[in-house]
Protein backbone atom coordinates (compact mmCIF):
# COMPACT_ATOMS: atom_id res chain seq x y z
CA MET A 1 0.06 -0.19 0.37
CA LEU A 2 0.95 3.44 -0.36
CA LEU A 3 0.78 6.61 1.57
CA ALA A 4 0.19 9.88 -0.80
CA VAL A 5 0.38 12.99 0.91
CA ASP A 6 -0.48 16.62 -0.14
CA ALA A 7 0.58 19.04 2.54
CA GLY A 8 -0.66 22.24 1.86
CA ASN A 9 -0.60 25.61 3.16
CA THR A 10 -3.57 25.28 6.07
CA ASP A 11 -4.28 21.27 5.62
CA THR A 12 -2.25 18.22 4.76
CA VAL A 13 -4.40 15.40 3.15
CA ILE A 14 -3.45 12.08 3.29
CA GLY A 15 -4.41 8.73 1.11
CA LEU A 16 -4.11 5.12 1.94
CA PHE A 17 -4.19 3.52 -2.03
CA ASP A 18 -3.99 -0.10 -2.98
CA THR A 19 -1.13 -0.29 -5.55
CA LYS A 20 -2.66 -3.40 -6.40
CA VAL A 21 -5.34 -1.22 -8.72
CA THR A 22 -3.10 -1.04 -11.49
CA ASP A 23 -6.22 0.15 -14.03
CA PRO A 24 -7.95 3.56 -12.51
CA GLN A 25 -10.78 4.62 -13.73
CA ALA A 26 -11.20 7.60 -11.14
CA ALA A 27 -9.22 9.94 -9.03
CA ASP A 28 -10.30 7.63 -5.80
CA ASP A 29 -10.11 3.88 -7.06
CA GLY A 30 -7.95 2.46 -4.99
CA LEU A 31 -8.16 4.84 -2.47
CA ILE A 32 -9.14 2.60 0.75
CA ASP A 33 -9.00 5.85 3.32
CA HIS A 34 -8.34 9.64 3.45
CA TRP A 35 -7.87 11.80 6.37
CA ARG A 36 -7.20 15.73 6.98
CA ILE A 37 -4.95 17.42 9.35
CA ALA A 38 -3.79 20.80 9.81
CA THR A 39 -0.45 21.87 8.48
CA HIS A 40 1.66 22.82 11.11
CA ALA A 41 5.27 23.89 10.32
CA GLU A 42 6.23 23.06 13.57
CA ARG A 43 5.07 19.36 13.44
CA THR A 44 8.09 17.13 14.27
CA ALA A 45 8.99 13.81 12.04
CA ASP A 46 8.33 12.07 15.20
CA GLU A 47 5.27 13.48 15.57
CA HIS A 48 3.70 13.23 12.16
CA ALA A 49 4.74 9.48 12.77
CA VAL A 50 2.47 9.24 15.49
CA MET A 51 -0.53 10.54 13.46
CA PHE A 52 0.28 8.47 10.86
CA MET A 53 0.90 5.31 12.51
CA GLY A 54 -2.59 5.98 14.80
CA PHE A 55 -4.37 6.62 11.36
CA LEU A 56 -3.04 3.28 10.21
CA ALA A 57 -3.72 1.62 13.34
CA ALA A 58 -7.80 2.38 12.83
CA LYS A 59 -7.28 0.52 9.53
CA ARG A 60 -5.87 -2.30 11.75
CA LEU A 61 -2.64 -1.77 9.36
CA ASN A 62 1.02 -2.00 10.34
CA TRP A 63 3.11 0.61 9.29
CA LEU A 64 6.13 -1.46 8.62
CA ASP A 65 4.67 -4.60 6.75
CA ASP A 66 1.77 -2.78 4.82
CA ILE A 67 3.04 -0.05 3.82
CA GLU A 68 5.58 0.36 0.74
CA GLY A 69 6.16 3.92 0.26
CA LEU A 70 5.60 7.55 0.66
CA VAL A 71 5.27 10.41 -2.36
CA VAL A 72 4.58 13.56 -1.07
CA SER A 73 3.95 17.41 -2.58
CA SER A 74 4.60 20.35 -0.37
CA GLY A 75 4.81 24.05 -0.22
CA VAL A 76 6.20 24.52 2.85
CA PRO A 77 9.74 23.12 3.34
CA ARG A 78 9.64 22.65 6.95
CA VAL A 79 6.63 20.19 6.73
CA LEU A 80 8.45 18.69 3.32
CA SER A 81 11.69 17.85 5.28
CA SER A 82 9.93 16.69 8.55
CA LEU A 83 7.44 14.10 5.69
CA ARG A 84 11.19 12.90 4.43
CA SER A 85 12.56 12.08 7.55
CA MET A 86 9.45 10.33 8.59
CA SER A 87 9.99 8.00 5.87
CA GLU A 88 13.15 7.71 5.65
CA ARG A 89 13.43 6.54 10.24
CA TYR A 90 9.94 4.99 10.24
CA LEU A 91 9.43 3.29 6.85
CA GLY A 92 13.14 3.08 5.73
CA VAL A 93 12.63 4.27 2.70
CA GLU A 94 13.36 7.59 1.07
CA ALA A 95 10.09 9.38 -0.12
CA VAL A 96 9.02 10.17 -3.74
CA VAL A 97 8.57 14.13 -3.48
CA LEU A 98 7.20 15.54 -6.63
CA GLU A 99 9.44 18.72 -7.03
CA PRO A 100 11.82 19.54 -9.77
CA GLY A 101 13.42 16.89 -12.08
CA THR A 102 11.04 14.15 -10.68
CA ARG A 103 9.41 12.08 -13.53
CA THR A 104 6.08 13.45 -14.20
CA GLY A 105 5.32 12.83 -17.96
CA VAL A 106 4.24 16.09 -17.79
CA ALA A 107 6.04 18.76 -19.76
CA ILE A 108 5.84 22.19 -17.69
CA ARG A 109 5.80 25.00 -20.89
CA THR A 110 5.62 27.99 -18.21
CA ASP A 111 8.89 30.61 -17.80
CA ASN A 112 9.86 29.10 -14.64
CA PRO A 113 8.92 25.42 -14.58
CA LYS A 114 10.71 25.40 -10.75
CA GLU A 115 8.36 27.99 -9.54
CA VAL A 116 5.12 26.22 -10.24
CA GLY A 117 3.71 24.70 -7.07
CA ALA A 118 3.61 20.53 -6.63
CA ASP A 119 0.06 20.31 -6.24
CA ARG A 120 -0.36 22.03 -9.38
CA ILE A 121 1.49 19.84 -11.27
CA ALA A 122 0.02 16.41 -9.80
CA ASN A 123 -3.52 17.84 -10.58
CA ALA A 124 -2.24 18.13 -14.31
CA VAL A 125 -0.90 14.49 -14.06
CA ALA A 126 -4.45 13.09 -12.27
CA ALA A 127 -6.43 14.90 -15.11
CA PHE A 128 -4.91 14.32 -18.39
CA ASP A 129 -4.33 10.58 -16.93
CA LEU A 130 -8.79 10.23 -16.37
CA TYR A 131 -9.58 13.34 -19.21
CA GLY A 132 -6.83 13.85 -21.26
CA GLY A 133 -6.72 17.04 -22.74
CA PRO A 134 -7.02 19.97 -22.94
CA THR A 135 -8.26 20.09 -19.59
CA ILE A 136 -8.96 22.95 -16.90
CA MET A 137 -8.19 21.89 -13.44
CA VAL A 138 -9.60 24.50 -10.94
CA ASP A 139 -8.57 23.57 -7.46
CA PHE A 140 -10.61 25.45 -4.58
CA GLY A 141 -7.46 25.53 -1.88
CA THR A 142 -6.04 28.23 0.79
CA ALA A 143 -5.65 29.83 -3.37
CA THR A 144 -8.00 29.42 -6.11
CA THR A 145 -6.35 27.79 -8.93
CA CYS A 146 -7.42 27.76 -12.86
CA ASP A 147 -4.52 25.37 -14.52
CA ALA A 148 -4.43 23.51 -17.94
CA VAL A 149 -2.98 21.03 -19.83
CA SER A 150 -2.82 20.23 -23.55
CA ALA A 151 -4.00 17.74 -25.58
CA ASP A 152 -0.61 16.68 -25.93
CA GLY A 153 -0.42 16.21 -21.90
CA GLU A 154 1.49 19.64 -21.30
CA TYR A 155 1.30 21.91 -18.20
CA LEU A 156 0.41 25.34 -19.57
CA GLY A 157 0.25 27.28 -17.06
CA GLY A 158 -2.76 29.30 -15.07
CA ALA A 159 -4.52 31.76 -12.95
CA ILE A 160 -4.36 32.03 -9.05
CA ALA A 161 -6.49 33.84 -6.58
CA PRO A 162 -6.97 34.16 -2.33
CA GLY A 163 -9.09 31.53 -1.88
CA ILE A 164 -12.61 31.56 -0.31
CA GLU A 165 -11.44 30.90 3.36
CA ILE A 166 -8.77 33.77 2.89
CA SER A 167 -11.04 35.93 1.48
CA LEU A 168 -13.61 35.85 4.26
CA ASP A 169 -10.75 36.27 7.11
CA ALA A 170 -9.70 38.92 5.34
CA LEU A 171 -13.35 40.26 4.75
CA VAL A 172 -14.08 39.39 8.29
CA GLY A 173 -10.86 41.44 9.72
CA ARG A 174 -10.88 44.28 8.06
CA ALA A 175 -14.98 45.13 8.75
CA ALA A 176 -16.11 45.53 11.85
CA ALA A 177 -20.10 44.74 11.89
CA LEU A 178 -19.21 41.47 10.11
CA ARG A 179 -18.28 38.02 11.59
CA GLN A 180 -17.17 35.10 10.61
CA VAL A 181 -20.01 32.50 9.07
CA GLU A 182 -20.40 29.06 7.96
CA ILE A 183 -19.22 28.06 4.61
CA ALA A 184 -22.30 26.93 3.24
CA GLU A 185 -25.57 27.58 0.60
CA PRO A 186 -27.69 30.42 1.18
CA ARG A 187 -31.22 30.10 0.61
CA SER A 188 -31.46 32.51 -2.17
CA VAL A 189 -28.66 35.22 -3.87
CA LEU A 190 -30.37 38.05 -2.45
CA GLY A 191 -29.81 37.52 1.11
CA ARG A 192 -32.33 38.64 3.52
CA THR A 193 -29.72 38.11 6.53
CA THR A 194 -26.03 39.76 6.94
CA VAL A 195 -24.73 36.33 7.40
CA GLU A 196 -26.92 35.00 4.13
CA SER A 197 -25.47 37.65 2.48
CA ILE A 198 -22.08 36.64 3.33
CA GLN A 199 -22.85 32.76 1.95
CA SER A 200 -24.47 34.42 -1.09
CA GLY A 201 -21.00 36.34 -1.93
CA ILE A 202 -19.05 33.48 -0.70
CA VAL A 203 -20.59 30.87 -2.80
CA TYR A 204 -21.97 32.31 -6.07
CA GLY A 205 -19.17 34.78 -6.35
CA TYR A 206 -16.62 32.41 -6.45
CA ALA A 207 -18.79 29.99 -8.79
CA ALA A 208 -18.94 33.47 -11.36
CA GLN A 209 -15.05 34.13 -10.95
CA VAL A 210 -14.63 30.17 -11.61
CA ASP A 211 -16.73 30.57 -14.64
CA GLY A 212 -15.63 33.93 -15.89
CA LEU A 213 -11.72 32.63 -15.35
CA CYS A 214 -12.44 29.18 -17.38
CA THR A 215 -14.19 31.26 -19.92
CA ARG A 216 -11.23 33.07 -20.89
CA ILE A 217 -8.68 30.18 -20.68
CA GLU A 218 -10.80 28.45 -23.33
CA GLU A 219 -11.06 31.38 -25.54
CA GLU A 220 -7.26 30.59 -25.74
CA LEU A 221 -7.14 27.18 -26.30
CA GLY A 222 -10.50 25.94 -27.21
CA GLU A 223 -13.28 23.95 -25.98
CA CYS A 224 -11.90 22.14 -22.78
CA THR A 225 -12.96 19.47 -20.06
CA VAL A 226 -12.94 21.08 -16.50
CA VAL A 227 -12.52 19.27 -13.46
CA GLY A 228 -12.80 20.46 -10.05
CA THR A 229 -11.02 19.54 -6.75
CA GLY A 230 -10.02 20.58 -3.33
CA GLY A 231 -11.48 20.54 -0.01
CA LEU A 232 -14.99 23.07 -1.24
CA ALA A 233 -14.98 22.14 -4.45
CA PRO A 234 -17.93 19.70 -3.75
CA LEU A 235 -19.92 23.10 -2.32
CA ILE A 236 -19.20 25.20 -4.84
CA ALA A 237 -18.53 23.16 -8.44
CA PRO A 238 -22.53 22.28 -8.08
CA PHE A 239 -22.78 26.41 -8.61
CA ALA A 240 -20.50 26.97 -11.52
CA GLU A 241 -21.56 26.45 -14.96
CA SER A 242 -18.13 26.00 -16.26
CA VAL A 243 -17.44 22.60 -13.84
CA GLN A 244 -18.44 19.42 -15.72
CA HIS A 245 -16.46 16.75 -12.86
CA VAL A 246 -15.58 16.93 -9.58
CA GLU A 247 -12.66 14.88 -8.18
CA PRO A 248 -11.74 15.72 -4.41
CA TRP A 249 -9.34 13.60 -4.36
CA LEU A 250 -7.32 14.90 -7.80
CA THR A 251 -4.02 15.55 -6.47
CA LEU A 252 -3.62 12.35 -4.37
CA HIS A 253 -4.25 10.61 -7.48
CA GLY A 254 -1.81 12.67 -9.63
CA LEU A 255 0.95 11.43 -6.59
CA ARG A 256 -0.49 8.17 -6.99
CA LEU A 257 0.90 8.28 -10.26
CA VAL A 258 3.79 9.96 -9.96
CA HIS A 259 4.68 7.49 -7.55
CA ALA A 260 4.51 4.67 -10.20
CA MET A 261 7.03 6.45 -12.42
CA ASN A 262 9.67 6.79 -9.93
CA VAL A 263 10.30 3.39 -8.28
CA GLU A 264 11.72 0.68 -10.00
C-alpha cells in the first residue's frame, strides 16, 4: 500500500492507496481511506509518524508490514523536510517528492517551471490521465487556482486567486460589523440576513469567478474539459456552470501516478 500526502499551506491531506489497483477509472479508485489534518510547520517527523500510525491502526494496518512507500507534494519547506525524515526513519525508504527533476510525464511550458507548485503539477498529471486534454483543473484550496493541460499533456500555466477562506478572513478582519460565517449555500442569492448575504457572495461569487476564468482560458485554448478539486469543490462546483466533473482526490491520484513513475 502507498501513502500519498499533499501538504498545503492550510491543510495536509493523506491518502492510503491499494497499489494492486493498476487500471483506475477515477481518482478515488484504489483509495482505501483518507484523512485531513491541519498543516503545522512546527510538527516534527516523530509527531507526524505518531499521527500516521494512529490513522493506520484504525484500519488495522501495520506501518512496516503494510506500507510500501510514501509520495509527497508540499509547498511548505519545513513540513516537507519533516515528512522526508519520517519516511526514512519509520518506513526505511526515501520518500518520492514531487519537485524539479521528478518524473511526471508532463512537460511544463512556463517561463520558470521550478516555481510551479507541486500540487498544481499533480493535478495536471491526474487530470490528463483521467480526461485527456485540453483540460482545466480548478482547485479550491488556500488559493483558488485554474490551471490548464494541453491535448498533448503539457502543463500550460494558469491563474491564481485568493482562496475562499482567505477572502472570508480578510473580509471579517477589515469590516467591524461582519463576523465569521459557515461556508454554506444560502437560501437565495439575495440574502435576507447579513450571514446569508456573506454566504451568497462566497458561494455564488466564487462560482462566477471560476466560470469567468474558465471562459477566458477556453478563448485561448478552445473547448476544454473542466475538473474541480480541493476541499471546497463539492460545495462551490455545483454552482459553477463550467465545472463538468468533481474529483476531490485529484491531487492524491496524481501523486500516486508520480510514485509509480519514480520507483522501480
